[in-house]
Amino acid sequence: MTVGARQATIRRDTAETKIHLSVNLDGTGVSEVVTGVAFFDHMLTLFSRHAMIDLKVNASGDTDVDYHHTVEDVGIVLGSAIKEALGDKAGIRRYGFFILPMDETLVRCVIDLSNRPLMVYQVEVTNYMVKDFNIALVREFFQGLSNSLGCNLHLKLEYGEEPHHVAEALFKAFARALRVAVEIDPRQGGRVPSTKGTLA
């Protein structure tokens, strides 16, 4: 693992997946994503663009079994990289909130970079399949990310049914909320945004 100014690179190798991932929180939304799961690549690419976080992901996993390990482990590594890049979180806004429409779908996302991992995920649809990708795995991605980032994450599908739209709205809403939460607030004056004095 290497860390720079609001940047981090993490490599994680297990018997199930091999992942090399880099983030730059002060980027322009440029991404290079290869996971072996085409729909997931699409979701990570649009996450990068809407979060304005530069992202590089090179992942290989046991996709011949299914996509679960790859999706979950990338979430874990992405959360870890964002946490490392944030450092002591001095000067950040900490909280982020976004309501995002995607055609007939509406998703709400709220984030607190509190170092207290907890996810509330309220998403129910009747059709979970986009080609061969089960969007139930989106929950596994965000659970792994919330745990490793140490964030309080609330995701709710207000309404919508088309599974591609639902998944895309979830990733975009999260990206937009995270973009706000990690931004430097000039009024903070470099202070950690907590009366405790720490978010570590």
N, C-alpha and C. Protein backbone atom coordinates (compact mmCIF):
# COMPACT_ATOMS: atom_id res chain seq x y z
N MET A 1 0.84 -1.19 0.00
CA MET A 1 0.00 0.00 0.00
C MET A 1 0.87 1.25 0.00
N THR A 2 0.56 2.20 -0.89
CA THR A 2 1.26 3.47 -0.91
C THR A 2 0.25 4.60 -0.82
N VAL A 3 0.66 5.68 -0.16
CA VAL A 3 -0.24 6.81 0.05
C VAL A 3 0.46 8.09 -0.37
N GLY A 4 -0.25 8.97 -1.08
CA GLY A 4 0.26 10.29 -1.43
C GLY A 4 -0.69 11.34 -0.89
N ALA A 5 -0.58 12.57 -1.40
CA ALA A 5 -1.47 13.65 -0.98
C ALA A 5 -2.86 13.36 -1.52
N ARG A 6 -3.76 12.93 -0.63
CA ARG A 6 -5.14 12.58 -0.99
C ARG A 6 -5.18 11.53 -2.11
N GLN A 7 -4.16 10.69 -2.13
CA GLN A 7 -4.09 9.59 -3.09
C GLN A 7 -3.67 8.33 -2.34
N ALA A 8 -4.06 7.17 -2.87
CA ALA A 8 -3.63 5.91 -2.27
C ALA A 8 -3.66 4.82 -3.32
N THR A 9 -2.75 3.87 -3.16
CA THR A 9 -2.70 2.68 -4.01
C THR A 9 -2.63 1.46 -3.13
N ILE A 10 -3.49 0.50 -3.41
CA ILE A 10 -3.56 -0.72 -2.59
C ILE A 10 -3.55 -1.94 -3.49
N ARG A 11 -2.80 -2.94 -3.09
CA ARG A 11 -2.81 -4.24 -3.75
C ARG A 11 -3.30 -5.28 -2.75
N ARG A 12 -4.24 -6.09 -3.15
CA ARG A 12 -4.79 -7.13 -2.27
C ARG A 12 -4.90 -8.43 -3.06
N ASP A 13 -4.19 -9.44 -2.62
CA ASP A 13 -4.20 -10.75 -3.26
C ASP A 13 -4.74 -11.79 -2.30
N THR A 14 -5.76 -12.53 -2.74
CA THR A 14 -6.27 -13.65 -1.96
C THR A 14 -6.40 -14.86 -2.90
N ALA A 15 -6.86 -15.96 -2.36
CA ALA A 15 -7.07 -17.15 -3.18
C ALA A 15 -8.21 -16.95 -4.16
N GLU A 16 -9.07 -15.93 -3.91
CA GLU A 16 -10.25 -15.70 -4.74
C GLU A 16 -10.09 -14.55 -5.72
N THR A 17 -9.34 -13.51 -5.31
CA THR A 17 -9.19 -12.34 -6.17
C THR A 17 -7.80 -11.74 -6.05
N LYS A 18 -7.40 -11.05 -7.09
CA LYS A 18 -6.17 -10.26 -7.09
C LYS A 18 -6.55 -8.86 -7.59
N ILE A 19 -6.31 -7.87 -6.74
CA ILE A 19 -6.78 -6.51 -7.04
C ILE A 19 -5.65 -5.50 -6.84
N HIS A 20 -5.48 -4.62 -7.82
CA HIS A 20 -4.56 -3.49 -7.72
C HIS A 20 -5.39 -2.25 -8.02
N LEU A 21 -5.48 -1.34 -7.06
CA LEU A 21 -6.42 -0.22 -7.17
C LEU A 21 -5.77 1.07 -6.67
N SER A 22 -6.00 2.16 -7.41
CA SER A 22 -5.48 3.48 -7.03
C SER A 22 -6.60 4.51 -7.09
N VAL A 23 -6.57 5.46 -6.15
CA VAL A 23 -7.52 6.57 -6.18
C VAL A 23 -6.78 7.90 -5.99
N ASN A 24 -7.35 8.94 -6.58
CA ASN A 24 -6.93 10.31 -6.35
C ASN A 24 -8.20 11.10 -6.07
N LEU A 25 -8.39 11.51 -4.81
CA LEU A 25 -9.62 12.18 -4.41
C LEU A 25 -9.77 13.55 -5.04
N ASP A 26 -8.68 14.13 -5.50
CA ASP A 26 -8.72 15.46 -6.10
C ASP A 26 -8.51 15.40 -7.61
N GLY A 27 -9.04 14.35 -8.20
CA GLY A 27 -8.87 14.15 -9.63
C GLY A 27 -9.94 14.82 -10.45
N THR A 28 -10.09 14.33 -11.68
CA THR A 28 -11.07 14.89 -12.62
C THR A 28 -12.04 13.83 -13.12
N GLY A 29 -12.07 12.67 -12.47
CA GLY A 29 -13.00 11.63 -12.87
C GLY A 29 -12.50 10.75 -13.99
N VAL A 30 -11.18 10.65 -14.12
CA VAL A 30 -10.58 9.79 -15.14
C VAL A 30 -10.44 8.38 -14.57
N SER A 31 -10.77 7.37 -15.36
CA SER A 31 -10.70 6.01 -14.84
C SER A 31 -10.14 5.03 -15.87
N GLU A 32 -9.52 3.98 -15.33
CA GLU A 32 -9.11 2.81 -16.09
C GLU A 32 -9.55 1.61 -15.28
N VAL A 33 -10.57 0.91 -15.74
CA VAL A 33 -11.18 -0.15 -14.95
C VAL A 33 -11.25 -1.44 -15.73
N VAL A 34 -10.66 -2.49 -15.16
CA VAL A 34 -10.74 -3.83 -15.75
C VAL A 34 -10.96 -4.82 -14.61
N THR A 35 -12.15 -5.41 -14.55
CA THR A 35 -12.45 -6.38 -13.49
C THR A 35 -12.85 -7.75 -14.04
N GLY A 36 -13.06 -7.84 -15.35
CA GLY A 36 -13.54 -9.09 -15.91
C GLY A 36 -15.05 -9.21 -15.84
N VAL A 37 -15.72 -8.17 -15.31
CA VAL A 37 -17.19 -8.16 -15.22
C VAL A 37 -17.65 -6.87 -15.90
N ALA A 38 -18.16 -6.98 -17.11
CA ALA A 38 -18.41 -5.80 -17.95
C ALA A 38 -19.36 -4.81 -17.30
N PHE A 39 -20.46 -5.28 -16.74
CA PHE A 39 -21.43 -4.36 -16.14
C PHE A 39 -20.82 -3.65 -14.93
N PHE A 40 -20.04 -4.37 -14.14
CA PHE A 40 -19.38 -3.78 -12.98
C PHE A 40 -18.36 -2.73 -13.41
N ASP A 41 -17.63 -2.99 -14.49
CA ASP A 41 -16.71 -1.99 -15.05
C ASP A 41 -17.46 -0.71 -15.37
N HIS A 42 -18.63 -0.86 -15.97
CA HIS A 42 -19.47 0.29 -16.31
C HIS A 42 -19.85 1.09 -15.06
N MET A 43 -20.24 0.38 -14.00
CA MET A 43 -20.63 1.05 -12.75
C MET A 43 -19.46 1.79 -12.11
N LEU A 44 -18.29 1.18 -12.10
CA LEU A 44 -17.11 1.81 -11.49
C LEU A 44 -16.65 3.02 -12.31
N THR A 45 -16.78 2.92 -13.63
CA THR A 45 -16.39 4.03 -14.50
C THR A 45 -17.27 5.24 -14.26
N LEU A 46 -18.58 5.02 -14.16
CA LEU A 46 -19.46 6.16 -13.93
C LEU A 46 -19.34 6.67 -12.49
N PHE A 47 -19.01 5.77 -11.54
CA PHE A 47 -18.72 6.22 -10.17
C PHE A 47 -17.57 7.22 -10.19
N SER A 48 -16.48 6.87 -10.85
CA SER A 48 -15.30 7.73 -10.93
C SER A 48 -15.66 9.08 -11.53
N ARG A 49 -16.41 9.07 -12.62
CA ARG A 49 -16.75 10.30 -13.31
C ARG A 49 -17.61 11.22 -12.45
N HIS A 50 -18.58 10.66 -11.76
CA HIS A 50 -19.50 11.49 -10.98
C HIS A 50 -18.93 11.88 -9.62
N ALA A 51 -18.02 11.10 -9.09
CA ALA A 51 -17.36 11.46 -7.84
C ALA A 51 -16.20 12.41 -8.07
N MET A 52 -15.78 12.56 -9.33
CA MET A 52 -14.58 13.34 -9.67
C MET A 52 -13.35 12.80 -8.94
N ILE A 53 -13.32 11.47 -8.81
CA ILE A 53 -12.20 10.75 -8.22
C ILE A 53 -11.52 9.95 -9.33
N ASP A 54 -10.23 10.19 -9.55
CA ASP A 54 -9.50 9.37 -10.50
C ASP A 54 -9.37 7.96 -9.94
N LEU A 55 -9.62 6.97 -10.79
CA LEU A 55 -9.68 5.59 -10.32
C LEU A 55 -9.01 4.65 -11.32
N LYS A 56 -8.12 3.81 -10.81
CA LYS A 56 -7.54 2.74 -11.61
C LYS A 56 -7.81 1.43 -10.88
N VAL A 57 -8.41 0.50 -11.59
CA VAL A 57 -8.70 -0.82 -11.02
C VAL A 57 -8.28 -1.90 -11.99
N ASN A 58 -7.45 -2.80 -11.52
CA ASN A 58 -7.13 -4.01 -12.27
C ASN A 58 -7.42 -5.18 -11.35
N ALA A 59 -8.46 -5.92 -11.67
CA ALA A 59 -8.90 -7.01 -10.79
C ALA A 59 -9.13 -8.28 -11.60
N SER A 60 -8.71 -9.38 -11.02
CA SER A 60 -9.04 -10.69 -11.59
C SER A 60 -9.53 -11.56 -10.46
N GLY A 61 -10.51 -12.38 -10.76
CA GLY A 61 -11.08 -13.23 -9.72
C GLY A 61 -11.69 -14.48 -10.30
N ASP A 62 -12.34 -15.25 -9.43
CA ASP A 62 -12.93 -16.53 -9.83
C ASP A 62 -14.30 -16.30 -10.46
N THR A 63 -14.32 -15.52 -11.55
CA THR A 63 -15.58 -15.21 -12.21
C THR A 63 -16.19 -16.42 -12.91
N ASP A 64 -15.42 -17.49 -13.05
CA ASP A 64 -15.99 -18.73 -13.58
C ASP A 64 -16.94 -19.36 -12.58
N VAL A 65 -16.75 -19.04 -11.28
CA VAL A 65 -17.68 -19.51 -10.24
C VAL A 65 -18.90 -18.59 -10.26
N ASP A 66 -18.68 -17.32 -9.93
CA ASP A 66 -19.66 -16.25 -10.11
C ASP A 66 -18.94 -14.93 -9.89
N TYR A 67 -19.69 -13.83 -9.85
CA TYR A 67 -19.09 -12.50 -9.76
C TYR A 67 -18.97 -12.00 -8.33
N HIS A 68 -19.47 -12.76 -7.38
CA HIS A 68 -19.60 -12.29 -6.00
C HIS A 68 -18.27 -11.84 -5.40
N HIS A 69 -17.25 -12.69 -5.45
CA HIS A 69 -15.97 -12.37 -4.80
C HIS A 69 -15.32 -11.13 -5.42
N THR A 70 -15.37 -11.03 -6.75
CA THR A 70 -14.76 -9.88 -7.41
C THR A 70 -15.46 -8.58 -7.02
N VAL A 71 -16.78 -8.56 -7.05
CA VAL A 71 -17.54 -7.35 -6.73
C VAL A 71 -17.33 -6.95 -5.27
N GLU A 72 -17.46 -7.90 -4.37
CA GLU A 72 -17.30 -7.61 -2.94
C GLU A 72 -15.88 -7.14 -2.62
N ASP A 73 -14.88 -7.84 -3.15
CA ASP A 73 -13.50 -7.51 -2.81
C ASP A 73 -13.06 -6.16 -3.39
N VAL A 74 -13.55 -5.81 -4.57
CA VAL A 74 -13.25 -4.48 -5.11
C VAL A 74 -13.86 -3.42 -4.20
N GLY A 75 -15.06 -3.67 -3.67
CA GLY A 75 -15.66 -2.74 -2.73
C GLY A 75 -14.80 -2.57 -1.48
N ILE A 76 -14.27 -3.67 -0.97
CA ILE A 76 -13.40 -3.62 0.22
C ILE A 76 -12.15 -2.81 -0.07
N VAL A 77 -11.52 -3.06 -1.22
CA VAL A 77 -10.27 -2.38 -1.55
C VAL A 77 -10.52 -0.91 -1.86
N LEU A 78 -11.61 -0.59 -2.55
CA LEU A 78 -11.92 0.81 -2.84
C LEU A 78 -12.16 1.58 -1.55
N GLY A 79 -12.90 1.00 -0.61
CA GLY A 79 -13.13 1.65 0.67
C GLY A 79 -11.83 1.88 1.42
N SER A 80 -10.94 0.89 1.40
CA SER A 80 -9.65 1.02 2.08
C SER A 80 -8.80 2.12 1.44
N ALA A 81 -8.83 2.20 0.11
CA ALA A 81 -8.03 3.21 -0.58
C ALA A 81 -8.54 4.62 -0.29
N ILE A 82 -9.86 4.80 -0.29
CA ILE A 82 -10.42 6.11 0.02
C ILE A 82 -10.07 6.51 1.45
N LYS A 83 -10.15 5.55 2.37
CA LYS A 83 -9.82 5.83 3.77
C LYS A 83 -8.37 6.27 3.91
N GLU A 84 -7.46 5.56 3.23
CA GLU A 84 -6.04 5.93 3.29
C GLU A 84 -5.80 7.30 2.68
N ALA A 85 -6.47 7.58 1.58
CA ALA A 85 -6.29 8.85 0.91
C ALA A 85 -6.81 10.02 1.74
N LEU A 86 -7.82 9.78 2.57
CA LEU A 86 -8.39 10.82 3.42
C LEU A 86 -7.48 11.17 4.60
N GLY A 87 -6.60 10.27 4.98
CA GLY A 87 -5.70 10.53 6.10
C GLY A 87 -6.48 10.78 7.39
N ASP A 88 -6.17 11.89 8.08
CA ASP A 88 -6.86 12.18 9.34
C ASP A 88 -8.17 12.93 9.12
N LYS A 89 -8.54 13.15 7.85
CA LYS A 89 -9.81 13.79 7.46
C LYS A 89 -9.89 15.27 7.85
N ALA A 90 -8.75 15.86 8.12
CA ALA A 90 -8.73 17.28 8.48
C ALA A 90 -9.25 18.12 7.32
N GLY A 91 -10.19 19.01 7.62
CA GLY A 91 -10.69 19.97 6.65
C GLY A 91 -11.81 19.50 5.75
N ILE A 92 -12.18 18.21 5.80
CA ILE A 92 -13.21 17.72 4.88
C ILE A 92 -14.61 18.13 5.36
N ARG A 93 -15.57 18.01 4.44
CA ARG A 93 -16.95 18.30 4.81
C ARG A 93 -17.55 17.19 5.67
N ARG A 94 -17.12 15.97 5.48
CA ARG A 94 -17.51 14.78 6.25
C ARG A 94 -18.85 14.20 5.81
N TYR A 95 -19.87 15.02 5.69
CA TYR A 95 -21.21 14.54 5.31
C TYR A 95 -21.48 14.80 3.84
N GLY A 96 -22.21 13.87 3.23
CA GLY A 96 -22.64 14.05 1.85
C GLY A 96 -24.03 13.50 1.65
N PHE A 97 -24.80 14.14 0.76
CA PHE A 97 -26.19 13.76 0.55
C PHE A 97 -26.53 14.03 -0.91
N PHE A 98 -27.23 13.07 -1.54
CA PHE A 98 -27.66 13.31 -2.92
C PHE A 98 -28.90 12.48 -3.22
N ILE A 99 -29.82 13.09 -3.96
CA ILE A 99 -30.98 12.38 -4.51
C ILE A 99 -30.83 12.40 -6.02
N LEU A 100 -30.81 11.21 -6.62
CA LEU A 100 -30.48 11.12 -8.04
C LEU A 100 -31.58 10.43 -8.84
N PRO A 101 -32.06 11.09 -9.90
CA PRO A 101 -33.02 10.45 -10.80
C PRO A 101 -32.31 9.72 -11.93
N MET A 102 -32.87 8.61 -12.33
CA MET A 102 -32.39 7.88 -13.52
C MET A 102 -33.63 7.38 -14.24
N ASP A 103 -34.13 8.19 -15.16
CA ASP A 103 -35.39 7.89 -15.85
C ASP A 103 -36.51 7.68 -14.82
N GLU A 104 -37.08 6.48 -14.75
CA GLU A 104 -38.21 6.24 -13.83
C GLU A 104 -37.75 5.96 -12.39
N THR A 105 -36.45 5.93 -12.18
CA THR A 105 -35.87 5.53 -10.90
C THR A 105 -35.40 6.74 -10.11
N LEU A 106 -35.57 6.68 -8.78
CA LEU A 106 -35.05 7.73 -7.91
C LEU A 106 -34.37 7.07 -6.71
N VAL A 107 -33.12 7.47 -6.44
CA VAL A 107 -32.32 6.90 -5.35
C VAL A 107 -31.83 8.01 -4.44
N ARG A 108 -31.83 7.72 -3.14
CA ARG A 108 -31.30 8.65 -2.14
C ARG A 108 -30.06 8.03 -1.50
N CYS A 109 -29.01 8.83 -1.33
CA CYS A 109 -27.79 8.38 -0.66
C CYS A 109 -27.35 9.42 0.35
N VAL A 110 -27.01 8.95 1.56
CA VAL A 110 -26.49 9.82 2.61
C VAL A 110 -25.24 9.16 3.20
N ILE A 111 -24.17 9.95 3.38
CA ILE A 111 -22.88 9.43 3.87
C ILE A 111 -22.39 10.27 5.03
N ASP A 112 -21.83 9.59 6.03
CA ASP A 112 -21.08 10.24 7.10
C ASP A 112 -19.74 9.52 7.21
N LEU A 113 -18.66 10.24 6.96
CA LEU A 113 -17.31 9.64 7.05
C LEU A 113 -16.85 9.66 8.50
N SER A 114 -17.56 8.92 9.31
CA SER A 114 -17.45 8.98 10.77
C SER A 114 -16.45 8.01 11.37
N ASN A 115 -15.94 7.10 10.55
CA ASN A 115 -15.13 5.97 11.01
C ASN A 115 -15.96 4.96 11.82
N ARG A 116 -17.28 5.04 11.67
CA ARG A 116 -18.18 4.05 12.29
C ARG A 116 -18.94 3.35 11.16
N PRO A 117 -18.48 2.16 10.78
CA PRO A 117 -19.10 1.47 9.63
C PRO A 117 -20.50 0.96 9.95
N LEU A 118 -21.46 1.44 9.18
CA LEU A 118 -22.82 0.93 9.29
C LEU A 118 -23.54 1.24 7.99
N MET A 119 -24.18 0.26 7.41
CA MET A 119 -24.91 0.48 6.18
C MET A 119 -26.38 0.14 6.35
N VAL A 120 -27.24 1.02 5.85
CA VAL A 120 -28.66 0.76 5.74
C VAL A 120 -28.97 0.75 4.24
N TYR A 121 -29.46 -0.37 3.76
CA TYR A 121 -29.65 -0.56 2.32
C TYR A 121 -31.09 -0.98 2.08
N GLN A 122 -31.88 -0.07 1.54
CA GLN A 122 -33.30 -0.33 1.31
C GLN A 122 -33.57 -0.30 -0.19
N VAL A 123 -33.37 -1.46 -0.80
CA VAL A 123 -33.52 -1.59 -2.25
C VAL A 123 -34.25 -2.89 -2.54
N GLU A 124 -35.44 -2.77 -3.10
CA GLU A 124 -36.21 -3.95 -3.49
C GLU A 124 -36.76 -3.77 -4.89
N VAL A 125 -36.48 -4.74 -5.74
CA VAL A 125 -37.02 -4.75 -7.11
C VAL A 125 -37.53 -6.15 -7.41
N THR A 126 -38.30 -6.28 -8.46
CA THR A 126 -38.82 -7.60 -8.83
C THR A 126 -37.89 -8.33 -9.80
N ASN A 127 -37.08 -7.57 -10.55
CA ASN A 127 -36.13 -8.17 -11.49
C ASN A 127 -34.73 -7.70 -11.13
N TYR A 128 -33.84 -8.64 -10.79
CA TYR A 128 -32.49 -8.30 -10.35
C TYR A 128 -31.44 -8.49 -11.43
N MET A 129 -31.81 -9.00 -12.60
CA MET A 129 -30.81 -9.38 -13.58
C MET A 129 -30.62 -8.33 -14.68
N VAL A 130 -29.33 -7.96 -14.89
CA VAL A 130 -28.92 -7.19 -16.06
C VAL A 130 -28.00 -8.11 -16.84
N LYS A 131 -28.51 -8.69 -17.92
CA LYS A 131 -27.79 -9.73 -18.66
C LYS A 131 -27.43 -10.84 -17.68
N ASP A 132 -26.12 -11.07 -17.39
CA ASP A 132 -25.75 -12.13 -16.45
C ASP A 132 -25.32 -11.57 -15.09
N PHE A 133 -25.58 -10.30 -14.85
CA PHE A 133 -25.18 -9.66 -13.59
C PHE A 133 -26.40 -9.49 -12.70
N ASN A 134 -26.31 -10.05 -11.48
CA ASN A 134 -27.39 -9.92 -10.49
C ASN A 134 -27.13 -8.67 -9.66
N ILE A 135 -28.03 -7.69 -9.73
CA ILE A 135 -27.77 -6.43 -9.03
C ILE A 135 -27.91 -6.56 -7.51
N ALA A 136 -28.28 -7.75 -7.03
CA ALA A 136 -28.19 -8.01 -5.59
C ALA A 136 -26.73 -7.88 -5.12
N LEU A 137 -25.78 -8.09 -6.04
CA LEU A 137 -24.36 -7.96 -5.70
C LEU A 137 -23.97 -6.52 -5.39
N VAL A 138 -24.78 -5.56 -5.83
CA VAL A 138 -24.50 -4.16 -5.53
C VAL A 138 -24.48 -3.95 -4.01
N ARG A 139 -25.36 -4.63 -3.32
CA ARG A 139 -25.36 -4.55 -1.85
C ARG A 139 -24.05 -5.04 -1.28
N GLU A 140 -23.52 -6.14 -1.81
CA GLU A 140 -22.27 -6.70 -1.31
C GLU A 140 -21.11 -5.73 -1.54
N PHE A 141 -21.14 -5.06 -2.68
CA PHE A 141 -20.12 -4.05 -2.98
C PHE A 141 -20.15 -2.94 -1.94
N PHE A 142 -21.31 -2.38 -1.70
CA PHE A 142 -21.41 -1.25 -0.78
C PHE A 142 -21.19 -1.67 0.68
N GLN A 143 -21.56 -2.90 1.02
CA GLN A 143 -21.29 -3.37 2.39
C GLN A 143 -19.79 -3.49 2.63
N GLY A 144 -19.08 -4.07 1.68
CA GLY A 144 -17.63 -4.17 1.80
C GLY A 144 -16.97 -2.81 1.86
N LEU A 145 -17.46 -1.88 1.03
CA LEU A 145 -16.90 -0.53 1.01
C LEU A 145 -17.17 0.21 2.31
N SER A 146 -18.40 0.13 2.80
CA SER A 146 -18.75 0.80 4.06
C SER A 146 -17.91 0.28 5.21
N ASN A 147 -17.71 -1.01 5.27
CA ASN A 147 -16.92 -1.61 6.35
C ASN A 147 -15.47 -1.14 6.31
N SER A 148 -14.86 -1.16 5.12
CA SER A 148 -13.44 -0.83 5.04
C SER A 148 -13.18 0.67 5.09
N LEU A 149 -14.09 1.47 4.55
CA LEU A 149 -13.96 2.92 4.62
C LEU A 149 -14.28 3.43 6.02
N GLY A 150 -15.14 2.71 6.73
CA GLY A 150 -15.56 3.16 8.05
C GLY A 150 -16.54 4.31 7.93
N CYS A 151 -17.55 4.12 7.08
CA CYS A 151 -18.53 5.19 6.90
C CYS A 151 -19.92 4.71 7.25
N ASN A 152 -20.74 5.67 7.62
CA ASN A 152 -22.16 5.45 7.82
C ASN A 152 -22.81 5.70 6.45
N LEU A 153 -23.41 4.68 5.86
CA LEU A 153 -23.91 4.78 4.49
C LEU A 153 -25.37 4.34 4.44
N HIS A 154 -26.22 5.25 3.97
CA HIS A 154 -27.64 4.94 3.80
C HIS A 154 -27.99 5.05 2.32
N LEU A 155 -28.49 3.98 1.76
CA LEU A 155 -28.92 3.95 0.36
C LEU A 155 -30.37 3.48 0.30
N LYS A 156 -31.19 4.25 -0.39
CA LYS A 156 -32.61 3.89 -0.48
C LYS A 156 -33.12 4.11 -1.90
N LEU A 157 -33.74 3.07 -2.44
CA LEU A 157 -34.47 3.19 -3.69
C LEU A 157 -35.85 3.74 -3.38
N GLU A 158 -36.09 4.97 -3.75
CA GLU A 158 -37.40 5.57 -3.50
C GLU A 158 -38.46 4.93 -4.38
N TYR A 159 -38.12 4.77 -5.66
CA TYR A 159 -38.97 4.03 -6.58
C TYR A 159 -38.18 3.74 -7.85
N GLY A 160 -38.69 2.77 -8.60
CA GLY A 160 -38.01 2.34 -9.82
C GLY A 160 -37.93 0.83 -9.88
N GLU A 161 -37.88 0.29 -11.10
CA GLU A 161 -37.91 -1.16 -11.27
C GLU A 161 -36.83 -1.67 -12.22
N GLU A 162 -36.52 -0.94 -13.27
CA GLU A 162 -35.60 -1.44 -14.28
C GLU A 162 -34.22 -1.63 -13.64
N PRO A 163 -33.69 -2.86 -13.61
CA PRO A 163 -32.50 -3.14 -12.80
C PRO A 163 -31.25 -2.37 -13.20
N HIS A 164 -31.07 -2.12 -14.50
CA HIS A 164 -29.91 -1.32 -14.92
C HIS A 164 -30.02 0.09 -14.36
N HIS A 165 -31.18 0.67 -14.46
CA HIS A 165 -31.40 2.03 -13.93
C HIS A 165 -31.20 2.08 -12.42
N VAL A 166 -31.69 1.06 -11.72
CA VAL A 166 -31.56 1.03 -10.26
C VAL A 166 -30.09 0.97 -9.86
N ALA A 167 -29.34 0.05 -10.46
CA ALA A 167 -27.91 -0.07 -10.12
C ALA A 167 -27.16 1.20 -10.47
N GLU A 168 -27.42 1.74 -11.63
CA GLU A 168 -26.71 2.95 -12.07
C GLU A 168 -27.03 4.13 -11.16
N ALA A 169 -28.29 4.27 -10.77
CA ALA A 169 -28.68 5.36 -9.88
C ALA A 169 -28.02 5.21 -8.51
N LEU A 170 -27.88 3.98 -8.02
CA LEU A 170 -27.21 3.75 -6.75
C LEU A 170 -25.75 4.18 -6.80
N PHE A 171 -25.04 3.78 -7.85
CA PHE A 171 -23.63 4.14 -7.97
C PHE A 171 -23.44 5.64 -8.17
N LYS A 172 -24.31 6.24 -8.98
CA LYS A 172 -24.18 7.68 -9.23
C LYS A 172 -24.53 8.50 -7.99
N ALA A 173 -25.59 8.11 -7.29
CA ALA A 173 -25.97 8.83 -6.07
C ALA A 173 -24.86 8.73 -5.03
N PHE A 174 -24.29 7.54 -4.89
CA PHE A 174 -23.18 7.37 -3.96
C PHE A 174 -21.99 8.24 -4.38
N ALA A 175 -21.68 8.24 -5.65
CA ALA A 175 -20.56 9.04 -6.16
C ALA A 175 -20.75 10.52 -5.85
N ARG A 176 -21.93 11.02 -6.11
CA ARG A 176 -22.21 12.44 -5.90
C ARG A 176 -22.18 12.81 -4.41
N ALA A 177 -22.71 11.92 -3.57
CA ALA A 177 -22.68 12.18 -2.13
C ALA A 177 -21.25 12.11 -1.59
N LEU A 178 -20.49 11.14 -2.06
CA LEU A 178 -19.10 11.00 -1.62
C LEU A 178 -18.27 12.20 -2.07
N ARG A 179 -18.53 12.69 -3.27
CA ARG A 179 -17.81 13.86 -3.77
C ARG A 179 -17.94 15.03 -2.79
N VAL A 180 -19.13 15.24 -2.28
CA VAL A 180 -19.34 16.32 -1.31
C VAL A 180 -18.63 16.02 0.00
N ALA A 181 -18.75 14.79 0.49
CA ALA A 181 -18.20 14.43 1.80
C ALA A 181 -16.69 14.54 1.87
N VAL A 182 -15.98 14.22 0.77
CA VAL A 182 -14.51 14.24 0.80
C VAL A 182 -13.94 15.61 0.44
N GLU A 183 -14.78 16.52 -0.02
CA GLU A 183 -14.29 17.85 -0.40
C GLU A 183 -13.72 18.60 0.79
N ILE A 184 -12.72 19.40 0.52
CA ILE A 184 -12.16 20.28 1.54
C ILE A 184 -13.08 21.49 1.70
N ASP A 185 -13.49 21.74 2.94
CA ASP A 185 -14.34 22.87 3.28
C ASP A 185 -13.44 24.01 3.75
N PRO A 186 -13.34 25.11 2.98
CA PRO A 186 -12.42 26.18 3.36
C PRO A 186 -12.76 26.81 4.71
N ARG A 187 -14.00 26.70 5.15
CA ARG A 187 -14.39 27.29 6.43
C ARG A 187 -13.91 26.45 7.62
N GLN A 188 -13.52 25.20 7.35
CA GLN A 188 -13.02 24.35 8.43
C GLN A 188 -11.64 24.79 8.91
N GLY A 189 -10.90 25.45 8.04
CA GLY A 189 -9.58 25.91 8.42
C GLY A 189 -8.63 24.77 8.76
N GLY A 190 -8.82 23.63 8.11
CA GLY A 190 -7.94 22.49 8.35
C GLY A 190 -8.27 21.68 9.58
N ARG A 191 -9.37 22.01 10.24
CA ARG A 191 -9.75 21.25 11.43
C ARG A 191 -10.47 19.96 11.05
N VAL A 192 -10.39 18.97 11.92
CA VAL A 192 -11.19 17.76 11.75
C VAL A 192 -12.64 18.10 12.09
N PRO A 193 -13.60 17.74 11.23
CA PRO A 193 -14.99 18.14 11.45
C PRO A 193 -15.70 17.27 12.51
N SER A 194 -15.23 17.39 13.74
CA SER A 194 -15.83 16.65 14.86
C SER A 194 -15.49 17.36 16.15
N THR A 195 -16.44 17.44 17.07
CA THR A 195 -16.16 18.04 18.38
C THR A 195 -15.24 17.14 19.20
N LYS A 196 -15.09 15.88 18.79
CA LYS A 196 -14.15 14.97 19.48
C LYS A 196 -12.70 15.31 19.12
N GLY A 197 -12.53 15.99 17.99
CA GLY A 197 -11.18 16.32 17.55
C GLY A 197 -10.53 15.25 16.71
N THR A 198 -11.24 14.14 16.47
CA THR A 198 -10.68 13.07 15.66
C THR A 198 -11.80 12.28 14.99
N LEU A 199 -11.50 11.78 13.78
CA LEU A 199 -12.39 10.85 13.08
C LEU A 199 -11.58 9.60 12.72
N ALA A 200 -10.53 9.35 13.51
CA ALA A 200 -9.66 8.20 13.25
C ALA A 200 -10.18 6.98 13.99
